[in-house]
Amino acid sequence: MPVAVETVSSVRSFGGEQAVLRHASEVTGTDMTFSVFVPDHAEGAMLPVVWYLSGLTCTQANVTEKGEFRRACAELGLIFVAPDTSPRGEGVPDDADGAYDFGLGAGFYVDATQEPFAQH
């Protein structure tokens, strides 16, 4: 079954489209956000994709707002995808000690296996 994707924002930039999108993730049980830059291209063209995984505690906005990849991607014909790799929102457990590097918003690109973190 196709995943419903909501457009949060979309703008033209450097000969392409920069968008921020959101979908309900079955895996994390939360809404997940990602940004994508798609350069102008011929209809039906197959373009390579670069996946950018941002650092600890960062959202997709870290590279989308601070990096400048769009001009190079447009010139090279690359799609650039930057997901927020951390579940966020109400119900996502946080570290009891308030550590920034564990729990809500921390991203280590792993699947947690222990409760209460395994759910998200």
PDB file of N, CA and C in Angstrom:
ATOM      1  N   MET A   1       0.841  -1.181   0.000  1.00  0.00           N
ATOM      2  CA  MET A   1       0.000   0.000   0.000  1.00  0.00           C
ATOM      3  C   MET A   1       0.885   1.242   0.000  1.00  0.00           C
ATOM      4  N   PRO A   2       0.617   2.221  -0.870  1.00  0.00           N
ATOM      5  CA  PRO A   2       1.441   3.428  -0.938  1.00  0.00           C
ATOM      6  C   PRO A   2       1.366   4.234   0.356  1.00  0.00           C
ATOM      7  N   VAL A   3       2.465   4.877   0.682  1.00  0.00           N
ATOM      8  CA  VAL A   3       2.542   5.740   1.857  1.00  0.00           C
ATOM      9  C   VAL A   3       2.090   7.133   1.454  1.00  0.00           C
ATOM     10  N   ALA A   4       1.193   7.723   2.250  1.00  0.00           N
ATOM     11  CA  ALA A   4       0.753   9.091   1.979  1.00  0.00           C
ATOM     12  C   ALA A   4       1.853  10.053   2.417  1.00  0.00           C
ATOM     13  N   VAL A   5       2.253  10.929   1.514  1.00  0.00           N
ATOM     14  CA  VAL A   5       3.303  11.903   1.791  1.00  0.00           C
ATOM     15  C   VAL A   5       2.696  13.304   1.688  1.00  0.00           C
ATOM     16  N   GLU A   6       2.924  14.104   2.727  1.00  0.00           N
ATOM     17  CA  GLU A   6       2.419  15.477   2.790  1.00  0.00           C
ATOM     18  C   GLU A   6       3.555  16.444   2.461  1.00  0.00           C
ATOM     19  N   THR A   7       3.284  17.421   1.621  1.00  0.00           N
ATOM     20  CA  THR A   7       4.263  18.458   1.327  1.00  0.00           C
ATOM     21  C   THR A   7       4.171  19.536   2.397  1.00  0.00           C
ATOM     22  N   VAL A   8       5.264  19.734   3.134  1.00  0.00           N
ATOM     23  CA  VAL A   8       5.338  20.773   4.158  1.00  0.00           C
ATOM     24  C   VAL A   8       5.701  22.104   3.509  1.00  0.00           C
ATOM     25  N   SER A   9       6.681  22.072   2.600  1.00  0.00           N
ATOM     26  CA  SER A   9       7.074  23.270   1.866  1.00  0.00           C
ATOM     27  C   SER A   9       7.750  22.859   0.570  1.00  0.00           C
ATOM     28  N   SER A  10       7.764  23.784  -0.388  1.00  0.00           N
ATOM     29  CA  SER A  10       8.405  23.513  -1.666  1.00  0.00           C
ATOM     30  C   SER A  10       8.779  24.845  -2.309  1.00  0.00           C
ATOM     31  N   VAL A  11      10.044  24.943  -2.776  1.00  0.00           N
ATOM     32  CA  VAL A  11      10.514  26.157  -3.440  1.00  0.00           C
ATOM     33  C   VAL A  11      11.408  25.790  -4.616  1.00  0.00           C
ATOM     34  N   ARG A  12      11.483  26.678  -5.603  1.00  0.00           N
ATOM     35  CA  ARG A  12      12.408  26.522  -6.714  1.00  0.00           C
ATOM     36  C   ARG A  12      13.782  27.007  -6.263  1.00  0.00           C
ATOM     37  N   SER A  13      14.813  26.285  -6.638  1.00  0.00           N
ATOM     38  CA  SER A  13      16.167  26.672  -6.257  1.00  0.00           C
ATOM     39  C   SER A  13      17.178  26.057  -7.210  1.00  0.00           C
ATOM     40  N   PHE A  14      18.078  26.861  -7.772  1.00  0.00           N
ATOM     41  CA  PHE A  14      19.174  26.388  -8.620  1.00  0.00           C
ATOM     42  C   PHE A  14      18.738  25.398  -9.693  1.00  0.00           C
ATOM     43  N   GLY A  15      17.655  25.667 -10.361  1.00  0.00           N
ATOM     44  CA  GLY A  15      17.243  24.781 -11.441  1.00  0.00           C
ATOM     45  C   GLY A  15      16.683  23.464 -10.948  1.00  0.00           C
ATOM     46  N   GLY A  16      15.945  23.517  -9.872  1.00  0.00           N
ATOM     47  CA  GLY A  16      15.310  22.318  -9.340  1.00  0.00           C
ATOM     48  C   GLY A  16      14.268  22.680  -8.294  1.00  0.00           C
ATOM     49  N   GLU A  17      13.748  21.667  -7.634  1.00  0.00           N
ATOM     50  CA  GLU A  17      12.714  21.845  -6.615  1.00  0.00           C
ATOM     51  C   GLU A  17      13.238  21.333  -5.278  1.00  0.00           C
ATOM     52  N   GLN A  18      13.232  22.212  -4.249  1.00  0.00           N
ATOM     53  CA  GLN A  18      13.618  21.838  -2.889  1.00  0.00           C
ATOM     54  C   GLN A  18      12.335  21.716  -2.076  1.00  0.00           C
ATOM     55  N   ALA A  19      12.088  20.526  -1.542  1.00  0.00           N
ATOM     56  CA  ALA A  19      10.856  20.303  -0.781  1.00  0.00           C
ATOM     57  C   ALA A  19      11.165  19.683   0.568  1.00  0.00           C
ATOM     58  N   VAL A  20      10.286  19.947   1.512  1.00  0.00           N
ATOM     59  CA  VAL A  20      10.278  19.258   2.800  1.00  0.00           C
ATOM     60  C   VAL A  20       8.971  18.480   2.841  1.00  0.00           C
ATOM     61  N   LEU A  21       9.073  17.189   3.134  1.00  0.00           N
ATOM     62  CA  LEU A  21       7.924  16.290   3.093  1.00  0.00           C
ATOM     63  C   LEU A  21       7.788  15.553   4.420  1.00  0.00           C
ATOM     64  N   ARG A  22       6.593  15.038   4.682  1.00  0.00           N
ATOM     65  CA  ARG A  22       6.330  14.311   5.928  1.00  0.00           C
ATOM     66  C   ARG A  22       5.433  13.119   5.617  1.00  0.00           C
ATOM     67  N   HIS A  23       5.655  12.021   6.356  1.00  0.00           N
ATOM     68  CA  HIS A  23       4.800  10.843   6.220  1.00  0.00           C
ATOM     69  C   HIS A  23       4.656  10.174   7.583  1.00  0.00           C
ATOM     70  N   ALA A  24       3.583   9.426   7.739  1.00  0.00           N
ATOM     71  CA  ALA A  24       3.368   8.653   8.967  1.00  0.00           C
ATOM     72  C   ALA A  24       4.135   7.346   8.821  1.00  0.00           C
ATOM     73  N   SER A  25       5.098   7.125   9.715  1.00  0.00           N
ATOM     74  CA  SER A  25       5.933   5.926   9.645  1.00  0.00           C
ATOM     75  C   SER A  25       5.324   4.797  10.459  1.00  0.00           C
ATOM     76  N   GLU A  26       5.111   3.653   9.803  1.00  0.00           N
ATOM     77  CA  GLU A  26       4.646   2.465  10.514  1.00  0.00           C
ATOM     78  C   GLU A  26       5.729   1.926  11.434  1.00  0.00           C
ATOM     79  N   VAL A  27       6.990   2.104  11.058  1.00  0.00           N
ATOM     80  CA  VAL A  27       8.110   1.558  11.823  1.00  0.00           C
ATOM     81  C   VAL A  27       8.305   2.288  13.142  1.00  0.00           C
ATOM     82  N   THR A  28       8.287   3.630  13.115  1.00  0.00           N
ATOM     83  CA  THR A  28       8.532   4.398  14.342  1.00  0.00           C
ATOM     84  C   THR A  28       7.246   4.766  15.073  1.00  0.00           C
ATOM     85  N   GLY A  29       6.115   4.676  14.391  1.00  0.00           N
ATOM     86  CA  GLY A  29       4.855   5.079  15.010  1.00  0.00           C
ATOM     87  C   GLY A  29       4.738   6.582  15.164  1.00  0.00           C
ATOM     88  N   THR A  30       5.532   7.342  14.405  1.00  0.00           N
ATOM     89  CA  THR A  30       5.523   8.798  14.466  1.00  0.00           C
ATOM     90  C   THR A  30       5.509   9.356  13.051  1.00  0.00           C
ATOM     91  N   ASP A  31       5.260  10.645  12.944  1.00  0.00           N
ATOM     92  CA  ASP A  31       5.463  11.314  11.670  1.00  0.00           C
ATOM     93  C   ASP A  31       6.966  11.483  11.482  1.00  0.00           C
ATOM     94  N   MET A  32       7.437  11.257  10.270  1.00  0.00           N
ATOM     95  CA  MET A  32       8.852  11.443   9.945  1.00  0.00           C
ATOM     96  C   MET A  32       8.952  12.456   8.810  1.00  0.00           C
ATOM     97  N   THR A  33       9.960  13.313   8.897  1.00  0.00           N
ATOM     98  CA  THR A  33      10.149  14.397   7.942  1.00  0.00           C
ATOM     99  C   THR A  33      11.444  14.191   7.169  1.00  0.00           C
ATOM    100  N   PHE A  34      11.445  14.592   5.915  1.00  0.00           N
ATOM    101  CA  PHE A  34      12.666  14.545   5.120  1.00  0.00           C
ATOM    102  C   PHE A  34      12.637  15.669   4.097  1.00  0.00           C
ATOM    103  N   SER A  35      13.821  16.065   3.649  1.00  0.00           N
ATOM    104  CA  SER A  35      13.892  17.041   2.568  1.00  0.00           C
ATOM    105  C   SER A  35      14.421  16.344   1.329  1.00  0.00           C
ATOM    106  N   VAL A  36      14.032  16.872   0.173  1.00  0.00           N
ATOM    107  CA  VAL A  36      14.488  16.301  -1.094  1.00  0.00           C
ATOM    108  C   VAL A  36      14.670  17.431  -2.105  1.00  0.00           C
ATOM    109  N   PHE A  37      15.797  17.386  -2.795  1.00  0.00           N
ATOM    110  CA  PHE A  37      16.042  18.294  -3.906  1.00  0.00           C
ATOM    111  C   PHE A  37      16.016  17.466  -5.179  1.00  0.00           C
ATOM    112  N   VAL A  38      15.178  17.867  -6.133  1.00  0.00           N
ATOM    113  CA  VAL A  38      15.088  17.182  -7.420  1.00  0.00           C
ATOM    114  C   VAL A  38      15.418  18.198  -8.506  1.00  0.00           C
ATOM    115  N   PRO A  39      16.534  17.987  -9.223  1.00  0.00           N
ATOM    116  CA  PRO A  39      16.888  18.919 -10.291  1.00  0.00           C
ATOM    117  C   PRO A  39      15.938  18.772 -11.479  1.00  0.00           C
ATOM    118  N   ASP A  40      15.842  19.821 -12.258  1.00  0.00           N
ATOM    119  CA  ASP A  40      15.056  19.734 -13.493  1.00  0.00           C
ATOM    120  C   ASP A  40      15.617  18.598 -14.337  1.00  0.00           C
ATOM    121  N   HIS A  41      14.735  17.857 -14.980  1.00  0.00           N
ATOM    122  CA  HIS A  41      15.150  16.712 -15.781  1.00  0.00           C
ATOM    123  C   HIS A  41      14.054  16.372 -16.790  1.00  0.00           C
ATOM    124  N   ALA A  42      14.436  15.616 -17.790  1.00  0.00           N
ATOM    125  CA  ALA A  42      13.460  15.184 -18.792  1.00  0.00           C
ATOM    126  C   ALA A  42      12.477  14.205 -18.152  1.00  0.00           C
ATOM    127  N   GLU A  43      11.229  14.281 -18.576  1.00  0.00           N
ATOM    128  CA  GLU A  43      10.213  13.365 -18.059  1.00  0.00           C
ATOM    129  C   GLU A  43      10.642  11.922 -18.293  1.00  0.00           C
ATOM    130  N   GLY A  44      10.538  11.107 -17.247  1.00  0.00           N
ATOM    131  CA  GLY A  44      10.898   9.702 -17.340  1.00  0.00           C
ATOM    132  C   GLY A  44      12.371   9.414 -17.105  1.00  0.00           C
ATOM    133  N   ALA A  45      13.193  10.444 -16.941  1.00  0.00           N
ATOM    134  CA  ALA A  45      14.631  10.242 -16.715  1.00  0.00           C
ATOM    135  C   ALA A  45      14.862   9.568 -15.361  1.00  0.00           C
ATOM    136  N   MET A  46      15.837   8.690 -15.329  1.00  0.00           N
ATOM    137  CA  MET A  46      16.243   8.031 -14.086  1.00  0.00           C
ATOM    138  C   MET A  46      17.460   8.776 -13.542  1.00  0.00           C
ATOM    139  N   LEU A  47      17.330   9.344 -12.333  1.00  0.00           N
ATOM    140  CA  LEU A  47      18.412  10.119 -11.739  1.00  0.00           C
ATOM    141  C   LEU A  47      18.987   9.389 -10.532  1.00  0.00           C
ATOM    142  N   PRO A  48      20.304   9.472 -10.325  1.00  0.00           N
ATOM    143  CA  PRO A  48      20.892   8.875  -9.127  1.00  0.00           C
ATOM    144  C   PRO A  48      20.494   9.678  -7.885  1.00  0.00           C
ATOM    145  N   VAL A  49      20.516   9.006  -6.734  1.00  0.00           N
ATOM    146  CA  VAL A  49      20.107   9.619  -5.472  1.00  0.00           C
ATOM    147  C   VAL A  49      21.267   9.593  -4.493  1.00  0.00           C
ATOM    148  N   VAL A  50      21.494  10.726  -3.830  1.00  0.00           N
ATOM    149  CA  VAL A  50      22.450  10.831  -2.734  1.00  0.00           C
ATOM    150  C   VAL A  50      21.640  10.932  -1.443  1.00  0.00           C
ATOM    151  N   TRP A  51      21.898  10.028  -0.502  1.00  0.00           N
ATOM    152  CA  TRP A  51      21.242  10.048   0.815  1.00  0.00           C
ATOM    153  C   TRP A  51      22.207  10.686   1.802  1.00  0.00           C
ATOM    154  N   TYR A  52      21.773  11.735   2.492  1.00  0.00           N
ATOM    155  CA  TYR A  52      22.600  12.430   3.470  1.00  0.00           C
ATOM    156  C   TYR A  52      22.015  12.196   4.855  1.00  0.00           C
ATOM    157  N   LEU A  53      22.756  11.499   5.702  1.00  0.00           N
ATOM    158  CA  LEU A  53      22.310  11.237   7.073  1.00  0.00           C
ATOM    159  C   LEU A  53      23.003  12.230   7.990  1.00  0.00           C
ATOM    160  N   SER A  54      22.233  13.156   8.520  1.00  0.00           N
ATOM    161  CA  SER A  54      22.788  14.214   9.344  1.00  0.00           C
ATOM    162  C   SER A  54      23.270  13.669  10.684  1.00  0.00           C
ATOM    163  N   GLY A  55      23.973  14.490  11.416  1.00  0.00           N
ATOM    164  CA  GLY A  55      24.605  14.065  12.667  1.00  0.00           C
ATOM    165  C   GLY A  55      23.668  13.971  13.856  1.00  0.00           C
ATOM    166  N   LEU A  56      24.229  13.605  14.966  1.00  0.00           N
ATOM    167  CA  LEU A  56      23.525  13.413  16.233  1.00  0.00           C
ATOM    168  C   LEU A  56      22.679  14.630  16.582  1.00  0.00           C
ATOM    169  N   THR A  57      21.433  14.416  16.897  1.00  0.00           N
ATOM    170  CA  THR A  57      20.409  15.389  17.292  1.00  0.00           C
ATOM    171  C   THR A  57      19.952  16.296  16.149  1.00  0.00           C
ATOM    172  N   CYS A  58      20.478  16.148  14.944  1.00  0.00           N
ATOM    173  CA  CYS A  58      20.127  17.039  13.836  1.00  0.00           C
ATOM    174  C   CYS A  58      18.906  16.538  13.082  1.00  0.00           C
ATOM    175  N   THR A  59      18.131  17.474  12.588  1.00  0.00           N
ATOM    176  CA  THR A  59      17.014  17.146  11.713  1.00  0.00           C
ATOM    177  C   THR A  59      17.474  17.306  10.266  1.00  0.00           C
ATOM    178  N   GLN A  60      16.573  17.068   9.333  1.00  0.00           N
ATOM    179  CA  GLN A  60      16.884  17.272   7.926  1.00  0.00           C
ATOM    180  C   GLN A  60      17.228  18.721   7.653  1.00  0.00           C
ATOM    181  N   ALA A  61      16.753  19.633   8.488  1.00  0.00           N
ATOM    182  CA  ALA A  61      16.998  21.059   8.278  1.00  0.00           C
ATOM    183  C   ALA A  61      18.479  21.413   8.427  1.00  0.00           C
ATOM    184  N   ASN A  62      19.238  20.609   9.158  1.00  0.00           N
ATOM    185  CA  ASN A  62      20.653  20.905   9.368  1.00  0.00           C
ATOM    186  C   ASN A  62      21.375  21.117   8.040  1.00  0.00           C
ATOM    187  N   VAL A  63      21.251  20.182   7.132  1.00  0.00           N
ATOM    188  CA  VAL A  63      21.938  20.329   5.844  1.00  0.00           C
ATOM    189  C   VAL A  63      21.112  21.151   4.860  1.00  0.00           C
ATOM    190  N   THR A  64      19.797  21.044   4.918  1.00  0.00           N
ATOM    191  CA  THR A  64      18.955  21.769   3.961  1.00  0.00           C
ATOM    192  C   THR A  64      19.114  23.276   4.127  1.00  0.00           C
ATOM    193  N   GLU A  65      19.225  23.744   5.363  1.00  0.00           N
ATOM    194  CA  GLU A  65      19.319  25.178   5.614  1.00  0.00           C
ATOM    195  C   GLU A  65      20.754  25.690   5.668  1.00  0.00           C
ATOM    196  N   LYS A  66      21.717  24.839   6.014  1.00  0.00           N
ATOM    197  CA  LYS A  66      23.095  25.293   6.191  1.00  0.00           C
ATOM    198  C   LYS A  66      24.024  24.886   5.058  1.00  0.00           C
ATOM    199  N   GLY A  67      23.722  23.791   4.395  1.00  0.00           N
ATOM    200  CA  GLY A  67      24.610  23.296   3.343  1.00  0.00           C
ATOM    201  C   GLY A  67      24.254  23.902   1.998  1.00  0.00           C
ATOM    202  N   GLU A  68      25.188  23.862   1.101  1.00  0.00           N
ATOM    203  CA  GLU A  68      24.856  24.315  -0.243  1.00  0.00           C
ATOM    204  C   GLU A  68      25.241  23.236  -1.244  1.00  0.00           C
ATOM    205  N   PHE A  69      24.285  22.382  -1.498  1.00  0.00           N
ATOM    206  CA  PHE A  69      24.454  21.221  -2.362  1.00  0.00           C
ATOM    207  C   PHE A  69      23.635  21.349  -3.637  1.00  0.00           C
ATOM    208  N   ARG A  70      22.641  22.234  -3.640  1.00  0.00           N
ATOM    209  CA  ARG A  70      21.666  22.299  -4.733  1.00  0.00           C
ATOM    210  C   ARG A  70      22.304  22.624  -6.085  1.00  0.00           C
ATOM    211  N   ARG A  71      23.189  23.602  -6.111  1.00  0.00           N
ATOM    212  CA  ARG A  71      23.800  23.981  -7.398  1.00  0.00           C
ATOM    213  C   ARG A  71      24.555  22.786  -7.988  1.00  0.00           C
ATOM    214  N   ALA A  72      25.371  22.106  -7.174  1.00  0.00           N
ATOM    215  CA  ALA A  72      26.141  20.946  -7.652  1.00  0.00           C
ATOM    216  C   ALA A  72      25.206  19.815  -8.077  1.00  0.00           C
ATOM    217  N   CYS A  73      24.154  19.571  -7.297  1.00  0.00           N
ATOM    218  CA  CYS A  73      23.211  18.504  -7.648  1.00  0.00           C
ATOM    219  C   CYS A  73      22.491  18.817  -8.955  1.00  0.00           C
ATOM    220  N   ALA A  74      22.138  20.086  -9.155  1.00  0.00           N
ATOM    221  CA  ALA A  74      21.475  20.471 -10.408  1.00  0.00           C
ATOM    222  C   ALA A  74      22.426  20.267 -11.591  1.00  0.00           C
ATOM    223  N   GLU A  75      23.694  20.669 -11.420  1.00  0.00           N
ATOM    224  CA  GLU A  75      24.666  20.524 -12.508  1.00  0.00           C
ATOM    225  C   GLU A  75      24.965  19.065 -12.824  1.00  0.00           C
ATOM    226  N   LEU A  76      24.960  18.201 -11.789  1.00  0.00           N
ATOM    227  CA  LEU A  76      25.301  16.787 -11.970  1.00  0.00           C
ATOM    228  C   LEU A  76      24.083  15.886 -12.192  1.00  0.00           C
ATOM    229  N   GLY A  77      22.880  16.448 -12.032  1.00  0.00           N
ATOM    230  CA  GLY A  77      21.667  15.647 -12.207  1.00  0.00           C
ATOM    231  C   GLY A  77      21.437  14.662 -11.080  1.00  0.00           C
ATOM    232  N   LEU A  78      21.687  15.094  -9.831  1.00  0.00           N
ATOM    233  CA  LEU A  78      21.529  14.226  -8.660  1.00  0.00           C
ATOM    234  C   LEU A  78      20.323  14.635  -7.829  1.00  0.00           C
ATOM    235  N   ILE A  79      19.578  13.654  -7.366  1.00  0.00           N
ATOM    236  CA  ILE A  79      18.538  13.885  -6.372  1.00  0.00           C
ATOM    237  C   ILE A  79      19.215  13.788  -5.007  1.00  0.00           C
ATOM    238  N   PHE A  80      18.907  14.713  -4.106  1.00  0.00           N
ATOM    239  CA  PHE A  80      19.524  14.766  -2.786  1.00  0.00           C
ATOM    240  C   PHE A  80      18.429  14.600  -1.739  1.00  0.00           C
ATOM    241  N   VAL A  81      18.523  13.549  -0.916  1.00  0.00           N
ATOM    242  CA  VAL A  81      17.517  13.262   0.108  1.00  0.00           C
ATOM    243  C   VAL A  81      18.174  13.325   1.477  1.00  0.00           C
ATOM    244  N   ALA A  82      17.559  14.085   2.393  1.00  0.00           N
ATOM    245  CA  ALA A  82      18.073  14.224   3.754  1.00  0.00           C
ATOM    246  C   ALA A  82      16.943  13.937   4.740  1.00  0.00           C
ATOM    247  N   PRO A  83      16.885  12.722   5.283  1.00  0.00           N
ATOM    248  CA  PRO A  83      15.830  12.410   6.253  1.00  0.00           C
ATOM    249  C   PRO A  83      16.192  12.866   7.658  1.00  0.00           C
ATOM    250  N   ASP A  84      15.167  13.188   8.446  1.00  0.00           N
ATOM    251  CA  ASP A  84      15.358  13.317   9.891  1.00  0.00           C
ATOM    252  C   ASP A  84      15.362  11.890  10.393  1.00  0.00           C
ATOM    253  N   THR A  85      16.469  11.423  10.905  1.00  0.00           N
ATOM    254  CA  THR A  85      16.607  10.011  11.268  1.00  0.00           C
ATOM    255  C   THR A  85      16.150   9.696  12.685  1.00  0.00           C
ATOM    256  N   SER A  86      15.621  10.695  13.404  1.00  0.00           N
ATOM    257  CA  SER A  86      15.209  10.480  14.788  1.00  0.00           C
ATOM    258  C   SER A  86      13.701  10.612  14.943  1.00  0.00           C
ATOM    259  N   PRO A  87      13.071   9.642  15.632  1.00  0.00           N
ATOM    260  CA  PRO A  87      11.651   9.827  15.930  1.00  0.00           C
ATOM    261  C   PRO A  87      11.472  11.003  16.885  1.00  0.00           C
ATOM    262  N   ARG A  88      10.489  11.823  16.614  1.00  0.00           N
ATOM    263  CA  ARG A  88      10.215  12.983  17.458  1.00  0.00           C
ATOM    264  C   ARG A  88       8.717  13.066  17.695  1.00  0.00           C
ATOM    265  N   GLY A  89       8.320  13.714  18.779  1.00  0.00           N
ATOM    266  CA  GLY A  89       6.911  13.936  19.043  1.00  0.00           C
ATOM    267  C   GLY A  89       6.478  13.358  20.369  1.00  0.00           C
ATOM    268  N   GLU A  90       5.229  13.631  20.689  1.00  0.00           N
ATOM    269  CA  GLU A  90       4.670  13.139  21.944  1.00  0.00           C
ATOM    270  C   GLU A  90       4.661  11.623  21.952  1.00  0.00           C
ATOM    271  N   GLY A  91       4.976  11.056  23.094  1.00  0.00           N
ATOM    272  CA  GLY A  91       4.967   9.608  23.231  1.00  0.00           C
ATOM    273  C   GLY A  91       6.306   8.961  22.950  1.00  0.00           C
ATOM    274  N   VAL A  92       7.256   9.702  22.362  1.00  0.00           N
ATOM    275  CA  VAL A  92       8.591   9.156  22.126  1.00  0.00           C
ATOM    276  C   VAL A  92       9.371   9.309  23.427  1.00  0.00           C
ATOM    277  N   PRO A  93       9.876   8.211  23.991  1.00  0.00           N
ATOM    278  CA  PRO A  93      10.571   8.306  25.277  1.00  0.00           C
ATOM    279  C   PRO A  93      11.872   9.095  25.171  1.00  0.00           C
ATOM    280  N   ASP A  94      12.198   9.765  26.259  1.00  0.00           N
ATOM    281  CA  ASP A  94      13.438  10.523  26.332  1.00  0.00           C
ATOM    282  C   ASP A  94      14.328   9.891  27.390  1.00  0.00           C
ATOM    283  N   ASP A  95      15.584  10.264  27.399  1.00  0.00           N
ATOM    284  CA  ASP A  95      16.519   9.765  28.398  1.00  0.00           C
ATOM    285  C   ASP A  95      16.145  10.341  29.761  1.00  0.00           C
ATOM    286  N   ALA A  96      16.033   9.494  30.768  1.00  0.00           N
ATOM    287  CA  ALA A  96      15.628   9.925  32.108  1.00  0.00           C
ATOM    288  C   ALA A  96      16.578  10.955  32.696  1.00  0.00           C
ATOM    289  N   ASP A  97      17.849  10.904  32.311  1.00  0.00           N
ATOM    290  CA  ASP A  97      18.835  11.843  32.837  1.00  0.00           C
ATOM    291  C   ASP A  97      18.947  13.100  31.989  1.00  0.00           C
ATOM    292  N   GLY A  98      18.174  13.188  30.909  1.00  0.00           N
ATOM    293  CA  GLY A  98      18.188  14.364  30.060  1.00  0.00           C
ATOM    294  C   GLY A  98      19.402  14.468  29.157  1.00  0.00           C
ATOM    295  N   ALA A  99      20.078  13.362  28.927  1.00  0.00           N
ATOM    296  CA  ALA A  99      21.263  13.389  28.055  1.00  0.00           C
ATOM    297  C   ALA A  99      20.851  13.715  26.626  1.00  0.00           C
ATOM    298  N   TYR A 100      21.597  14.583  25.975  1.00  0.00           N
ATOM    299  CA  TYR A 100      21.269  14.997  24.607  1.00  0.00           C
ATOM    300  C   TYR A 100      21.499  13.887  23.588  1.00  0.00           C
ATOM    301  N   ASP A 101      22.334  12.910  23.939  1.00  0.00           N
ATOM    302  CA  ASP A 101      22.747  11.910  22.956  1.00  0.00           C
ATOM    303  C   ASP A 101      22.008  10.583  23.087  1.00  0.00           C
ATOM    304  N   PHE A 102      20.887  10.579  23.821  1.00  0.00           N
ATOM    305  CA  PHE A 102      20.117   9.359  23.933  1.00  0.00           C
ATOM    306  C   PHE A 102      18.655   9.711  24.139  1.00  0.00           C
ATOM    307  N   GLY A 103      17.769   8.982  23.484  1.00  0.00           N
ATOM    308  CA  GLY A 103      16.338   9.233  23.632  1.00  0.00           C
ATOM    309  C   GLY A 103      15.805  10.124  22.538  1.00  0.00           C
ATOM    310  N   LEU A 104      14.848  10.949  22.882  1.00  0.00           N
ATOM    311  CA  LEU A 104      14.142  11.815  21.945  1.00  0.00           C
ATOM    312  C   LEU A 104      15.119  12.674  21.141  1.00  0.00           C
ATOM    313  N   GLY A 105      15.086  12.536  19.821  1.00  0.00           N
ATOM    314  CA  GLY A 105      15.897  13.366  18.960  1.00  0.00           C
ATOM    315  C   GLY A 105      17.317  12.891  18.732  1.00  0.00           C
ATOM    316  N   ALA A 106      17.773  11.871  19.451  1.00  0.00           N
ATOM    317  CA  ALA A 106      19.123  11.356  19.241  1.00  0.00           C
ATOM    318  C   ALA A 106      19.084  10.336  18.110  1.00  0.00           C
ATOM    319  N   GLY A 107      20.011  10.426  17.218  1.00  0.00           N
ATOM    320  CA  GLY A 107      20.017   9.512  16.080  1.00  0.00           C
ATOM    321  C   GLY A 107      21.319   8.769  15.968  1.00  0.00           C
ATOM    322  N   PHE A 108      21.287   7.487  16.151  1.00  0.00           N
ATOM    323  CA  PHE A 108      22.473   6.656  15.968  1.00  0.00           C
ATOM    324  C   PHE A 108      22.275   5.676  14.818  1.00  0.00           C
ATOM    325  N   TYR A 109      21.167   5.787  14.071  1.00  0.00           N
ATOM    326  CA  TYR A 109      20.875   4.946  12.920  1.00  0.00           C
ATOM    327  C   TYR A 109      20.844   3.463  13.292  1.00  0.00           C
ATOM    328  N   VAL A 110      20.238   3.159  14.416  1.00  0.00           N
ATOM    329  CA  VAL A 110      20.107   1.771  14.854  1.00  0.00           C
ATOM    330  C   VAL A 110      18.660   1.517  15.251  1.00  0.00           C
ATOM    331  N   ASP A 111      18.298   0.253  15.326  1.00  0.00           N
ATOM    332  CA  ASP A 111      16.993  -0.137  15.842  1.00  0.00           C
ATOM    333  C   ASP A 111      17.150  -0.506  17.304  1.00  0.00           C
ATOM    334  N   ALA A 112      16.477   0.225  18.187  1.00  0.00           N
ATOM    335  CA  ALA A 112      16.529  -0.085  19.615  1.00  0.00           C
ATOM    336  C   ALA A 112      15.803  -1.395  19.880  1.00  0.00           C
ATOM    337  N   THR A 113      16.317  -2.173  20.789  1.00  0.00           N
ATOM    338  CA  THR A 113      15.700  -3.465  21.119  1.00  0.00           C
ATOM    339  C   THR A 113      15.189  -3.526  22.551  1.00  0.00           C
ATOM    340  N   GLN A 114      15.489  -2.506  23.359  1.00  0.00           N
ATOM    341  CA  GLN A 114      15.066  -2.497  24.758  1.00  0.00           C
ATOM    342  C   GLN A 114      14.019  -1.419  24.991  1.00  0.00           C
ATOM    343  N   GLU A 115      13.052  -1.759  25.841  1.00  0.00           N
ATOM    344  CA  GLU A 115      12.012  -0.800  26.207  1.00  0.00           C
ATOM    345  C   GLU A 115      12.621   0.267  27.118  1.00  0.00           C
ATOM    346  N   PRO A 116      12.103   1.478  27.077  1.00  0.00           N
ATOM    347  CA  PRO A 116      10.930   1.920  26.340  1.00  0.00           C
ATOM    348  C   PRO A 116      11.241   2.407  24.932  1.00  0.00           C
ATOM    349  N   PHE A 117      12.477   2.242  24.470  1.00  0.00           N
ATOM    350  CA  PHE A 117      12.894   2.817  23.203  1.00  0.00           C
ATOM    351  C   PHE A 117      12.567   1.950  21.983  1.00  0.00           C
ATOM    352  N   ALA A 118      12.311   0.661  22.188  1.00  0.00           N
ATOM    353  CA  ALA A 118      12.082  -0.259  21.075  1.00  0.00           C
ATOM    354  C   ALA A 118      10.847   0.094  20.243  1.00  0.00           C
ATOM    355  N   GLN A 119       9.867   0.732  20.843  1.00  0.00           N
ATOM    356  CA  GLN A 119       8.635   1.054  20.126  1.00  0.00           C
ATOM    357  C   GLN A 119       8.867   2.054  18.997  1.00  0.00           C
ATOM    358  N   HIS A 120       9.829   2.953  19.156  1.00  0.00           N
ATOM    359  CA  HIS A 120      10.038   4.015  18.149  1.00  0.00           C
ATOM    360  C   HIS A 120      11.348   3.862  17.436  1.00  0.00           C
TER     361      HIS A 120
END
